[in-house]
Amino acid sequence: MKRICFLLGLILIFSACSKKPVYPEARFDGSSMRIELAAVAENRPLFFTLTANTRKINFFLFKKDGGIESYFDACGKCYPQRLGFRLENNHVICRACDVKYHLDDLKEGIGSCYPIKLKGRVEGNTFVIDRKDILTGEKYF
């Protein structure tokens, strides 16, 4: 009996660790997603999902040095495992290989296990990401 409980416990632990995270569905006003700049905190990523063609495309954005940056929740090296990144102490950490990057150091993709940049722009008091730009990342999910 103890052996069965132990095996069941291991199965639960490993299945919980290997599950892909679930994020709020991105809301669109036609062809764009708009987020109020005031809703985005410095170095505190907001994660979202766009469901398209039965795939869930995950992405995140955060405020850095007064601007907003956005990335797919995938990297060029580990995306086939479809696990994305987790946040820990102002770092994004690849769930597949544990490589980590400080949010302050994220730039235009350096390194093989690096969040893939997602195009976005500031318009007035909102950050805008076009649906078509999110869909370019579908292959990573």
Foldseek 3Di string as FASTA:
>chain_A
DVVVVVVVVVVVVVVVLLDADDAAAFDDPPFKGKDFLVVAEALDKHKHWHQDPNDTWIKIWHAYPNRIWIFTQFFQAPLVSVRGWDDDPQWTAGSPPGDIDHVNPDDCDDDRGHTHGFDWDDDPRIIMGGNVSSVVCRVSD
